[in-house]
Amino acid sequence: MEPWLATGLIYASALALAAGGLTLLYIATRTFNFAHASMATVGFYVVYSGCVLIGGNPYIYFPLAFLVGGLLGVICYYGLNRPLLRRGAAEITLMMSTLGYDLILLSLIQMYADYLTFSMQLFPRRVNMNVYDFKLLGENAATIILPILAIVFLTGLHLFLVKTRFGVAMRATIEKPVLAGASGINSDRVYLVAWLIGGGMAALGGAAMSMAVTGTPVLGMNSISFMFAGAILGGLHSLYGGILGGFVVGLAEYAGVFYLSQLFGTWVLGYRMAIPLLLMAVTLLIFPRGLAGIPWTALYNGLVGKKGGAKA
């Protein structure tokens, strides 16, 4: 597999997880979680620490990364989000509170990186996680495992939301919170689980992302704009749209730029980070609700109708 495609698939899978977590938190609590950035970085450092301190391949530490990220989400909910929601705080206040939480986490990450550097004699500030990977079917395992992991996790999340009793209650609270409260659904528990899953998805996305890009203490900070771009591109009111948007943004940043460089020259590579943002802007100009607002059924029926008319 071409290196640009392999990296693009890994990065797109990571962004799909991270953007899905952002979208879930927004539609559940109307909170833009800026701490998603540092939660993603924590996910990377959990996996890195496991590899260098204990040993083994990175993937065995992914569940631990999810749990640690989920714990950070729970702390954010009980420490910041819940008290502010109960006081009727505006969305901008909720958002700024997560920015403060992100700065606290970022400081702790820097302190941990210093500890690994000076006490453990490690080099945690620029990490190439590929050195801990292994070959699978002739490719780096990340190229195969991470897209499958993303699909399996997101399928499991879908089944949880549509098949389990609590998942259905969670969807009801997200879609119609007032009616759900009147029906006796414990909205506080729903919000708690949303933060648990959202934080876990951020950390899982960061762990996966470190297999495609250099791991640093600002890994999440460097990628947060693309996480938001994926969530917004997909549609902030659709969990599945956010997941799809994250995948499209991640793939566009690598595969899209590669194809454009073939058409227009290598100078396009210097604008790699601008391409997915431009894609988001153009899509929103045409479909203000993002990918979730595109009438896919009507488009499909129109295409089928045209083909049928052409054959006739």
C-alpha atoms as a PDB file:
ATOM      1  CA  MET A   1       0.000   0.000   0.000  1.00  0.00           C
ATOM      2  CA  GLU A   2       1.222   3.497  -0.826  1.00  0.00           C
ATOM      3  CA  PRO A   3       2.561   5.323   2.278  1.00  0.00           C
ATOM      4  CA  TRP A   4       0.252   8.331   1.776  1.00  0.00           C
ATOM      5  CA  LEU A   5      -2.806   6.058   1.625  1.00  0.00           C
ATOM      6  CA  ALA A   6      -1.728   4.030   4.657  1.00  0.00           C
ATOM      7  CA  THR A   7      -1.129   7.181   6.702  1.00  0.00           C
ATOM      8  CA  GLY A   8      -4.391   8.668   5.449  1.00  0.00           C
ATOM      9  CA  LEU A   9      -6.416   5.631   6.539  1.00  0.00           C
ATOM     10  CA  ILE A  10      -4.869   5.624  10.013  1.00  0.00           C
ATOM     11  CA  TYR A  11      -5.303   9.373  10.457  1.00  0.00           C
ATOM     12  CA  ALA A  12      -8.864   9.304   9.101  1.00  0.00           C
ATOM     13  CA  SER A  13      -9.813   6.489  11.486  1.00  0.00           C
ATOM     14  CA  ALA A  14      -8.360   8.453  14.411  1.00  0.00           C
ATOM     15  CA  LEU A  15     -10.218  11.632  13.458  1.00  0.00           C
ATOM     16  CA  ALA A  16     -13.470   9.690  13.011  1.00  0.00           C
ATOM     17  CA  LEU A  17     -13.209   8.519  16.624  1.00  0.00           C
ATOM     18  CA  ALA A  18     -12.221  11.937  17.985  1.00  0.00           C
ATOM     19  CA  ALA A  19     -14.807  13.900  15.971  1.00  0.00           C
ATOM     20  CA  GLY A  20     -17.503  11.394  16.929  1.00  0.00           C
ATOM     21  CA  GLY A  21     -16.696  11.997  20.592  1.00  0.00           C
ATOM     22  CA  LEU A  22     -16.890  15.767  20.119  1.00  0.00           C
ATOM     23  CA  THR A  23     -20.255  15.473  18.404  1.00  0.00           C
ATOM     24  CA  LEU A  24     -21.654  13.162  21.080  1.00  0.00           C
ATOM     25  CA  LEU A  25     -20.725  15.623  23.827  1.00  0.00           C
ATOM     26  CA  TYR A  26     -22.182  18.573  21.947  1.00  0.00           C
ATOM     27  CA  ILE A  27     -25.547  16.997  21.181  1.00  0.00           C
ATOM     28  CA  ALA A  28     -25.784  15.614  24.740  1.00  0.00           C
ATOM     29  CA  THR A  29     -24.753  18.687  26.769  1.00  0.00           C
ATOM     30  CA  ARG A  30     -24.449  21.507  24.194  1.00  0.00           C
ATOM     31  CA  THR A  31     -20.773  21.777  25.128  1.00  0.00           C
ATOM     32  CA  PHE A  32     -17.892  22.298  22.709  1.00  0.00           C
ATOM     33  CA  ASN A  33     -15.221  20.350  24.567  1.00  0.00           C
ATOM     34  CA  PHE A  34     -11.858  22.056  24.023  1.00  0.00           C
ATOM     35  CA  ALA A  35     -10.332  19.625  26.523  1.00  0.00           C
ATOM     36  CA  HIS A  36     -10.742  17.024  23.774  1.00  0.00           C
ATOM     37  CA  ALA A  37      -7.274  18.115  22.632  1.00  0.00           C
ATOM     38  CA  SER A  38      -5.452  17.170  25.826  1.00  0.00           C
ATOM     39  CA  MET A  39      -7.614  14.072  26.317  1.00  0.00           C
ATOM     40  CA  ALA A  40      -6.346  12.880  22.932  1.00  0.00           C
ATOM     41  CA  THR A  41      -2.750  13.577  23.991  1.00  0.00           C
ATOM     42  CA  VAL A  42      -3.294  11.642  27.212  1.00  0.00           C
ATOM     43  CA  GLY A  43      -4.445   8.679  25.127  1.00  0.00           C
ATOM     44  CA  PHE A  44      -1.169   8.786  23.219  1.00  0.00           C
ATOM     45  CA  TYR A  45       0.926   8.948  26.394  1.00  0.00           C
ATOM     46  CA  VAL A  46      -0.960   6.048  27.982  1.00  0.00           C
ATOM     47  CA  VAL A  47      -0.075   3.851  25.005  1.00  0.00           C
ATOM     48  CA  TYR A  48       3.498   5.170  24.804  1.00  0.00           C
ATOM     49  CA  SER A  49       4.075   4.632  28.528  1.00  0.00           C
ATOM     50  CA  GLY A  50       2.786   1.085  28.301  1.00  0.00           C
ATOM     51  CA  CYS A  51       5.118   0.290  25.411  1.00  0.00           C
ATOM     52  CA  VAL A  52       8.284   1.720  26.994  1.00  0.00           C
ATOM     53  CA  LEU A  53       7.674   0.839  30.649  1.00  0.00           C
ATOM     54  CA  ILE A  54       5.951  -2.539  30.355  1.00  0.00           C
ATOM     55  CA  GLY A  55       6.485  -3.713  26.786  1.00  0.00           C
ATOM     56  CA  GLY A  56       4.334  -5.260  24.103  1.00  0.00           C
ATOM     57  CA  ASN A  57       2.651  -3.789  21.043  1.00  0.00           C
ATOM     58  CA  PRO A  58       0.681  -0.520  21.267  1.00  0.00           C
ATOM     59  CA  TYR A  59      -2.758  -2.016  20.645  1.00  0.00           C
ATOM     60  CA  ILE A  60      -2.976  -3.886  23.942  1.00  0.00           C
ATOM     61  CA  TYR A  61      -2.974  -0.503  25.723  1.00  0.00           C
ATOM     62  CA  PHE A  62      -5.785   1.034  23.668  1.00  0.00           C
ATOM     63  CA  PRO A  63      -8.531  -0.149  26.080  1.00  0.00           C
ATOM     64  CA  LEU A  64      -6.590   1.433  28.955  1.00  0.00           C
ATOM     65  CA  ALA A  65      -6.309   4.675  26.968  1.00  0.00           C
ATOM     66  CA  PHE A  66     -10.094   4.655  26.497  1.00  0.00           C
ATOM     67  CA  LEU A  67     -10.678   4.138  30.227  1.00  0.00           C
ATOM     68  CA  VAL A  68      -8.267   6.931  31.228  1.00  0.00           C
ATOM     69  CA  GLY A  69      -9.862   9.298  28.699  1.00  0.00           C
ATOM     70  CA  GLY A  70     -13.297   8.334  29.986  1.00  0.00           C
ATOM     71  CA  LEU A  71     -12.183   9.086  33.553  1.00  0.00           C
ATOM     72  CA  LEU A  72     -10.986  12.542  32.469  1.00  0.00           C
ATOM     73  CA  GLY A  73     -14.386  13.094  30.867  1.00  0.00           C
ATOM     74  CA  VAL A  74     -16.169  12.094  34.080  1.00  0.00           C
ATOM     75  CA  ILE A  75     -13.971  14.489  36.091  1.00  0.00           C
ATOM     76  CA  CYS A  76     -14.793  17.292  33.655  1.00  0.00           C
ATOM     77  CA  TYR A  77     -18.507  16.551  33.935  1.00  0.00           C
ATOM     78  CA  TYR A  78     -18.678  16.430  37.726  1.00  0.00           C
ATOM     79  CA  GLY A  79     -16.157  19.203  38.272  1.00  0.00           C
ATOM     80  CA  LEU A  80     -17.259  21.712  35.623  1.00  0.00           C
ATOM     81  CA  ASN A  81     -20.043  20.778  33.246  1.00  0.00           C
ATOM     82  CA  ARG A  82     -22.659  19.554  35.691  1.00  0.00           C
ATOM     83  CA  PRO A  83     -22.486  22.515  38.118  1.00  0.00           C
ATOM     84  CA  LEU A  84     -22.611  24.990  35.220  1.00  0.00           C
ATOM     85  CA  LEU A  85     -25.523  23.204  33.520  1.00  0.00           C
ATOM     86  CA  ARG A  86     -27.489  23.293  36.774  1.00  0.00           C
ATOM     87  CA  ARG A  87     -26.937  27.036  36.956  1.00  0.00           C
ATOM     88  CA  GLY A  88     -28.215  27.481  33.411  1.00  0.00           C
ATOM     89  CA  ALA A  89     -24.838  28.569  32.044  1.00  0.00           C
ATOM     90  CA  ALA A  90     -24.670  29.747  28.445  1.00  0.00           C
ATOM     91  CA  GLU A  91     -22.954  27.625  25.805  1.00  0.00           C
ATOM     92  CA  ILE A  92     -20.010  30.041  25.643  1.00  0.00           C
ATOM     93  CA  THR A  93     -19.479  29.612  29.404  1.00  0.00           C
ATOM     94  CA  LEU A  94     -19.551  25.832  29.084  1.00  0.00           C
ATOM     95  CA  MET A  95     -17.066  26.021  26.232  1.00  0.00           C
ATOM     96  CA  MET A  96     -14.647  28.327  28.062  1.00  0.00           C
ATOM     97  CA  SER A  97     -14.729  26.099  31.147  1.00  0.00           C
ATOM     98  CA  THR A  98     -13.474  23.174  29.053  1.00  0.00           C
ATOM     99  CA  LEU A  99     -10.708  25.409  27.694  1.00  0.00           C
ATOM    100  CA  GLY A 100      -9.534  26.013  31.261  1.00  0.00           C
ATOM    101  CA  TYR A 101      -9.663  22.271  31.933  1.00  0.00           C
ATOM    102  CA  ASP A 102      -7.641  21.702  28.773  1.00  0.00           C
ATOM    103  CA  LEU A 103      -4.919  24.079  29.993  1.00  0.00           C
ATOM    104  CA  ILE A 104      -4.734  22.209  33.304  1.00  0.00           C
ATOM    105  CA  LEU A 105      -4.399  18.876  31.498  1.00  0.00           C
ATOM    106  CA  LEU A 106      -1.799  20.332  29.134  1.00  0.00           C
ATOM    107  CA  SER A 107       0.298  21.474  32.105  1.00  0.00           C
ATOM    108  CA  LEU A 108       0.068  18.025  33.686  1.00  0.00           C
ATOM    109  CA  ILE A 109       1.093  16.424  30.378  1.00  0.00           C
ATOM    110  CA  GLN A 110       4.153  18.684  30.187  1.00  0.00           C
ATOM    111  CA  MET A 111       5.082  17.771  33.755  1.00  0.00           C
ATOM    112  CA  TYR A 112       4.710  14.067  32.963  1.00  0.00           C
ATOM    113  CA  ALA A 113       6.869  14.443  29.844  1.00  0.00           C
ATOM    114  CA  ASP A 114       9.542  16.148  31.974  1.00  0.00           C
ATOM    115  CA  TYR A 115       9.356  13.301  34.492  1.00  0.00           C
ATOM    116  CA  LEU A 116       9.884  10.716  31.746  1.00  0.00           C
ATOM    117  CA  THR A 117      12.771  12.777  30.367  1.00  0.00           C
ATOM    118  CA  PHE A 118      14.736  13.521  33.531  1.00  0.00           C
ATOM    119  CA  SER A 119      13.805  10.646  35.845  1.00  0.00           C
ATOM    120  CA  MET A 120      13.304   7.778  33.387  1.00  0.00           C
ATOM    121  CA  GLN A 121      15.882   8.927  30.796  1.00  0.00           C
ATOM    122  CA  LEU A 122      13.331   8.579  27.980  1.00  0.00           C
ATOM    123  CA  PHE A 123      12.582  10.812  25.001  1.00  0.00           C
ATOM    124  CA  PRO A 124       8.817  11.437  25.166  1.00  0.00           C
ATOM    125  CA  ARG A 125       8.603  14.795  23.388  1.00  0.00           C
ATOM    126  CA  ARG A 126       8.982  13.524  19.830  1.00  0.00           C
ATOM    127  CA  VAL A 127       7.860   9.923  19.534  1.00  0.00           C
ATOM    128  CA  ASN A 128       7.564   7.782  16.433  1.00  0.00           C
ATOM    129  CA  MET A 129       5.145   5.066  17.537  1.00  0.00           C
ATOM    130  CA  ASN A 130       5.783   3.105  14.350  1.00  0.00           C
ATOM    131  CA  VAL A 131       8.898   1.637  15.974  1.00  0.00           C
ATOM    132  CA  TYR A 132       6.591  -0.304  18.318  1.00  0.00           C
ATOM    133  CA  ASP A 133       4.397  -1.566  15.479  1.00  0.00           C
ATOM    134  CA  PHE A 134       4.702  -4.911  13.713  1.00  0.00           C
ATOM    135  CA  LYS A 135       4.033  -6.275  10.246  1.00  0.00           C
ATOM    136  CA  LEU A 136       0.671  -7.799   9.360  1.00  0.00           C
ATOM    137  CA  LEU A 137      -0.036  -9.158   5.868  1.00  0.00           C
ATOM    138  CA  GLY A 138       3.018  -7.307   4.597  1.00  0.00           C
ATOM    139  CA  GLU A 139       1.864  -3.920   5.935  1.00  0.00           C
ATOM    140  CA  ASN A 140       2.329  -2.049   9.185  1.00  0.00           C
ATOM    141  CA  ALA A 141      -0.305  -3.481  11.511  1.00  0.00           C
ATOM    142  CA  ALA A 142      -1.737  -0.011  12.180  1.00  0.00           C
ATOM    143  CA  THR A 143      -2.866   0.237   8.557  1.00  0.00           C
ATOM    144  CA  ILE A 144      -5.127  -2.781   9.032  1.00  0.00           C
ATOM    145  CA  ILE A 145      -5.920  -2.824  12.747  1.00  0.00           C
ATOM    146  CA  LEU A 146      -6.881   0.825  13.294  1.00  0.00           C
ATOM    147  CA  PRO A 147      -9.523   1.146  10.527  1.00  0.00           C
ATOM    148  CA  ILE A 148     -11.007  -2.163  11.716  1.00  0.00           C
ATOM    149  CA  LEU A 149     -10.856  -0.954  15.327  1.00  0.00           C
ATOM    150  CA  ALA A 150     -12.676   2.253  14.397  1.00  0.00           C
ATOM    151  CA  ILE A 151     -15.380   0.343  12.503  1.00  0.00           C
ATOM    152  CA  VAL A 152     -15.870  -2.205  15.308  1.00  0.00           C
ATOM    153  CA  PHE A 153     -15.976   0.466  18.024  1.00  0.00           C
ATOM    154  CA  LEU A 154     -18.399   2.696  16.142  1.00  0.00           C
ATOM    155  CA  THR A 155     -20.598  -0.288  15.252  1.00  0.00           C
ATOM    156  CA  GLY A 156     -20.641  -1.231  18.925  1.00  0.00           C
ATOM    157  CA  LEU A 157     -21.589   2.340  19.845  1.00  0.00           C
ATOM    158  CA  HIS A 158     -24.424   2.248  17.299  1.00  0.00           C
ATOM    159  CA  LEU A 159     -25.740  -1.051  18.691  1.00  0.00           C
ATOM    160  CA  PHE A 160     -25.492   0.349  22.222  1.00  0.00           C
ATOM    161  CA  LEU A 161     -27.586   3.371  21.239  1.00  0.00           C
ATOM    162  CA  VAL A 162     -30.287   1.488  19.328  1.00  0.00           C
ATOM    163  CA  LYS A 163     -30.439  -1.948  20.984  1.00  0.00           C
ATOM    164  CA  THR A 164     -29.912  -1.426  24.716  1.00  0.00           C
ATOM    165  CA  ARG A 165     -32.459   0.046  27.080  1.00  0.00           C
ATOM    166  CA  PHE A 166     -30.049   2.640  28.423  1.00  0.00           C
ATOM    167  CA  GLY A 167     -28.882   3.510  24.903  1.00  0.00           C
ATOM    168  CA  VAL A 168     -32.460   4.212  23.825  1.00  0.00           C
ATOM    169  CA  ALA A 169     -32.946   6.351  26.941  1.00  0.00           C
ATOM    170  CA  MET A 170     -29.729   8.170  26.110  1.00  0.00           C
ATOM    171  CA  ARG A 171     -30.924   8.929  22.579  1.00  0.00           C
ATOM    172  CA  ALA A 172     -34.263  10.135  23.939  1.00  0.00           C
ATOM    173  CA  THR A 173     -32.527  12.488  26.381  1.00  0.00           C
ATOM    174  CA  ILE A 174     -30.242  13.828  23.666  1.00  0.00           C
ATOM    175  CA  GLU A 175     -33.058  14.403  21.165  1.00  0.00           C
ATOM    176  CA  LYS A 176     -35.815  15.585  23.556  1.00  0.00           C
ATOM    177  CA  PRO A 177     -34.388  16.342  27.015  1.00  0.00           C
ATOM    178  CA  VAL A 178     -37.545  17.937  28.465  1.00  0.00           C
ATOM    179  CA  LEU A 179     -39.793  15.074  27.387  1.00  0.00           C
ATOM    180  CA  ALA A 180     -37.225  12.524  28.569  1.00  0.00           C
ATOM    181  CA  GLY A 181     -37.119  14.152  32.004  1.00  0.00           C
ATOM    182  CA  ALA A 182     -40.906  14.087  32.218  1.00  0.00           C
ATOM    183  CA  SER A 183     -40.800  10.373  31.360  1.00  0.00           C
ATOM    184  CA  GLY A 184     -38.602   9.644  34.359  1.00  0.00           C
ATOM    185  CA  ILE A 185     -35.298   9.172  32.526  1.00  0.00           C
ATOM    186  CA  ASN A 186     -32.288  10.053  34.680  1.00  0.00           C
ATOM    187  CA  SER A 187     -30.696  12.750  32.510  1.00  0.00           C
ATOM    188  CA  ASP A 188     -27.774  13.161  34.921  1.00  0.00           C
ATOM    189  CA  ARG A 189     -26.735   9.557  34.326  1.00  0.00           C
ATOM    190  CA  VAL A 190     -27.113  10.014  30.574  1.00  0.00           C
ATOM    191  CA  TYR A 191     -24.843  13.068  30.583  1.00  0.00           C
ATOM    192  CA  LEU A 192     -22.309  11.203  32.721  1.00  0.00           C
ATOM    193  CA  VAL A 193     -22.167   8.308  30.242  1.00  0.00           C
ATOM    194  CA  ALA A 194     -21.889  10.782  27.346  1.00  0.00           C
ATOM    195  CA  TRP A 195     -18.810  12.340  28.961  1.00  0.00           C
ATOM    196  CA  LEU A 196     -17.393   8.902  29.735  1.00  0.00           C
ATOM    197  CA  ILE A 197     -17.762   7.754  26.124  1.00  0.00           C
ATOM    198  CA  GLY A 198     -16.773  11.128  24.644  1.00  0.00           C
ATOM    199  CA  GLY A 199     -13.589  11.360  26.715  1.00  0.00           C
ATOM    200  CA  GLY A 200     -12.764   7.753  25.915  1.00  0.00           C
ATOM    201  CA  MET A 201     -13.215   8.364  22.196  1.00  0.00           C
ATOM    202  CA  ALA A 202     -10.894  11.382  22.395  1.00  0.00           C
ATOM    203  CA  ALA A 203      -8.153   9.330  24.064  1.00  0.00           C
ATOM    204  CA  LEU A 204      -8.688   6.427  21.678  1.00  0.00           C
ATOM    205  CA  GLY A 205      -8.455   8.833  18.738  1.00  0.00           C
ATOM    206  CA  GLY A 206      -5.236  10.327  20.110  1.00  0.00           C
ATOM    207  CA  ALA A 207      -3.712   6.890  20.609  1.00  0.00           C
ATOM    208  CA  ALA A 208      -4.602   5.949  17.029  1.00  0.00           C
ATOM    209  CA  MET A 209      -3.394   9.297  15.686  1.00  0.00           C
ATOM    210  CA  SER A 210       0.064   8.779  17.181  1.00  0.00           C
ATOM    211  CA  MET A 211       0.501   5.845  14.790  1.00  0.00           C
ATOM    212  CA  ALA A 212       0.255   8.274  11.858  1.00  0.00           C
ATOM    213  CA  VAL A 213       1.950  11.456  13.103  1.00  0.00           C
ATOM    214  CA  THR A 214       4.755  12.259  15.541  1.00  0.00           C
ATOM    215  CA  GLY A 215       3.619  12.007  19.145  1.00  0.00           C
ATOM    216  CA  THR A 216       4.289  15.166  21.180  1.00  0.00           C
ATOM    217  CA  PRO A 217       2.836  16.850  24.291  1.00  0.00           C
ATOM    218  CA  VAL A 218       0.791  19.042  21.927  1.00  0.00           C
ATOM    219  CA  LEU A 219      -0.449  16.235  19.668  1.00  0.00           C
ATOM    220  CA  GLY A 220      -4.081  16.987  20.468  1.00  0.00           C
ATOM    221  CA  MET A 221      -3.626  20.749  20.327  1.00  0.00           C
ATOM    222  CA  ASN A 222      -2.206  20.474  16.818  1.00  0.00           C
ATOM    223  CA  SER A 223      -5.189  18.384  15.720  1.00  0.00           C
ATOM    224  CA  ILE A 224      -8.111  19.973  17.582  1.00  0.00           C
ATOM    225  CA  SER A 225      -9.041  22.212  14.643  1.00  0.00           C
ATOM    226  CA  PHE A 226      -9.414  19.120  12.441  1.00  0.00           C
ATOM    227  CA  MET A 227     -11.474  17.351  15.102  1.00  0.00           C
ATOM    228  CA  PHE A 228     -13.859  20.312  15.135  1.00  0.00           C
ATOM    229  CA  ALA A 229     -13.753  20.485  11.339  1.00  0.00           C
ATOM    230  CA  GLY A 230     -14.831  16.849  11.145  1.00  0.00           C
ATOM    231  CA  ALA A 231     -17.635  17.348  13.666  1.00  0.00           C
ATOM    232  CA  ILE A 232     -18.893  20.490  11.910  1.00  0.00           C
ATOM    233  CA  LEU A 233     -18.549  18.993   8.433  1.00  0.00           C
ATOM    234  CA  GLY A 234     -20.594  15.977   9.482  1.00  0.00           C
ATOM    235  CA  GLY A 235     -23.254  18.056  11.195  1.00  0.00           C
ATOM    236  CA  LEU A 236     -23.187  18.955  14.879  1.00  0.00           C
ATOM    237  CA  HIS A 237     -26.616  17.422  15.485  1.00  0.00           C
ATOM    238  CA  SER A 238     -25.754  14.003  14.061  1.00  0.00           C
ATOM    239  CA  LEU A 239     -23.398  11.562  15.785  1.00  0.00           C
ATOM    240  CA  TYR A 240     -22.993   9.495  12.637  1.00  0.00           C
ATOM    241  CA  GLY A 241     -22.455  12.627  10.577  1.00  0.00           C
ATOM    242  CA  GLY A 242     -19.660  13.686  12.930  1.00  0.00           C
ATOM    243  CA  ILE A 243     -17.988  10.303  12.581  1.00  0.00           C
ATOM    244  CA  LEU A 244     -18.248  10.450   8.786  1.00  0.00           C
ATOM    245  CA  GLY A 245     -17.024  14.052   8.778  1.00  0.00           C
ATOM    246  CA  GLY A 246     -13.950  13.131  10.810  1.00  0.00           C
ATOM    247  CA  PHE A 247     -13.092  10.336   8.393  1.00  0.00           C
ATOM    248  CA  VAL A 248     -13.550  12.594   5.352  1.00  0.00           C
ATOM    249  CA  VAL A 249     -11.408  15.380   6.855  1.00  0.00           C
ATOM    250  CA  GLY A 250      -8.637  12.949   7.796  1.00  0.00           C
ATOM    251  CA  LEU A 251      -8.596  11.296   4.394  1.00  0.00           C
ATOM    252  CA  ALA A 252      -8.723  14.653   2.595  1.00  0.00           C
ATOM    253  CA  GLU A 253      -5.673  15.898   4.481  1.00  0.00           C
ATOM    254  CA  TYR A 254      -3.519  13.079   3.118  1.00  0.00           C
ATOM    255  CA  ALA A 255      -5.135  11.383   0.119  1.00  0.00           C
ATOM    256  CA  GLY A 256      -6.733  14.581  -1.189  1.00  0.00           C
ATOM    257  CA  VAL A 257      -3.516  16.563  -0.964  1.00  0.00           C
ATOM    258  CA  PHE A 258      -1.575  13.767  -2.668  1.00  0.00           C
ATOM    259  CA  TYR A 259      -3.901  13.757  -5.671  1.00  0.00           C
ATOM    260  CA  LEU A 260      -3.900  17.553  -5.878  1.00  0.00           C
ATOM    261  CA  SER A 261      -0.095  17.552  -5.837  1.00  0.00           C
ATOM    262  CA  GLN A 262      -0.140  15.156  -8.789  1.00  0.00           C
ATOM    263  CA  LEU A 263      -2.387  17.553 -10.708  1.00  0.00           C
ATOM    264  CA  PHE A 264      -0.931  20.937  -9.765  1.00  0.00           C
ATOM    265  CA  GLY A 265       2.573  20.231  -8.494  1.00  0.00           C
ATOM    266  CA  THR A 266       4.318  19.642  -5.198  1.00  0.00           C
ATOM    267  CA  TRP A 267       3.715  23.216  -4.002  1.00  0.00           C
ATOM    268  CA  VAL A 268       0.239  22.014  -2.935  1.00  0.00           C
ATOM    269  CA  LEU A 269       1.852  19.915  -0.174  1.00  0.00           C
ATOM    270  CA  GLY A 270       2.607  23.100   1.733  1.00  0.00           C
ATOM    271  CA  TYR A 271      -1.145  23.685   2.077  1.00  0.00           C
ATOM    272  CA  ARG A 272      -1.935  20.207   3.403  1.00  0.00           C
ATOM    273  CA  MET A 273      -3.576  21.514   6.568  1.00  0.00           C
ATOM    274  CA  ALA A 274      -5.735  23.990   4.640  1.00  0.00           C
ATOM    275  CA  ILE A 275      -7.316  21.455   2.263  1.00  0.00           C
ATOM    276  CA  PRO A 276      -9.717  19.789   4.758  1.00  0.00           C
ATOM    277  CA  LEU A 277     -10.758  23.186   6.145  1.00  0.00           C
ATOM    278  CA  LEU A 278     -11.479  24.396   2.617  1.00  0.00           C
ATOM    279  CA  LEU A 279     -13.496  21.229   1.998  1.00  0.00           C
ATOM    280  CA  MET A 280     -15.506  21.911   5.145  1.00  0.00           C
ATOM    281  CA  ALA A 281     -16.188  25.521   4.120  1.00  0.00           C
ATOM    282  CA  VAL A 282     -17.340  24.585   0.612  1.00  0.00           C
ATOM    283  CA  THR A 283     -19.584  21.794   1.915  1.00  0.00           C
ATOM    284  CA  LEU A 284     -21.220  24.088   4.472  1.00  0.00           C
ATOM    285  CA  LEU A 285     -21.850  26.755   1.845  1.00  0.00           C
ATOM    286  CA  ILE A 286     -23.817  24.220  -0.190  1.00  0.00           C
ATOM    287  CA  PHE A 287     -25.269  22.185   2.694  1.00  0.00           C
ATOM    288  CA  PRO A 288     -25.414  24.347   5.863  1.00  0.00           C
ATOM    289  CA  ARG A 289     -26.256  21.322   8.035  1.00  0.00           C
ATOM    290  CA  GLY A 290     -23.161  19.449   6.883  1.00  0.00           C
ATOM    291  CA  LEU A 291     -23.015  15.919   5.544  1.00  0.00           C
ATOM    292  CA  ALA A 292     -25.952  14.908   7.744  1.00  0.00           C
ATOM    293  CA  GLY A 293     -28.081  17.517   5.966  1.00  0.00           C
ATOM    294  CA  ILE A 294     -27.441  16.167   2.475  1.00  0.00           C
ATOM    295  CA  PRO A 295     -30.573  14.451   1.082  1.00  0.00           C
ATOM    296  CA  TRP A 296     -28.739  11.222   0.305  1.00  0.00           C
ATOM    297  CA  THR A 297     -31.922   9.278  -0.494  1.00  0.00           C
ATOM    298  CA  ALA A 298     -33.139  11.913  -2.939  1.00  0.00           C
ATOM    299  CA  LEU A 299     -29.724  12.065  -4.597  1.00  0.00           C
ATOM    300  CA  TYR A 300     -29.603   8.283  -4.918  1.00  0.00           C
ATOM    301  CA  ASN A 301     -33.125   8.097  -6.316  1.00  0.00           C
ATOM    302  CA  GLY A 302     -32.282  10.877  -8.760  1.00  0.00           C
ATOM    303  CA  LEU A 303     -29.193   9.039  -9.996  1.00  0.00           C
ATOM    304  CA  VAL A 304     -31.084   5.751 -10.314  1.00  0.00           C
ATOM    305  CA  GLY A 305     -33.900   7.533 -12.140  1.00  0.00           C
ATOM    306  CA  LYS A 306     -31.470   9.103 -14.606  1.00  0.00           C
ATOM    307  CA  LYS A 307     -29.818   5.748 -15.299  1.00  0.00           C
ATOM    308  CA  GLY A 308     -33.206   4.123 -15.803  1.00  0.00           C
ATOM    309  CA  GLY A 309     -34.268   6.911 -18.175  1.00  0.00           C
ATOM    310  CA  ALA A 310     -31.040   6.602 -20.152  1.00  0.00           C
ATOM    311  CA  LYS A 311     -31.536   2.845 -20.600  1.00  0.00           C
ATOM    312  CA  ALA A 312     -35.124   3.352 -21.741  1.00  0.00           C
END
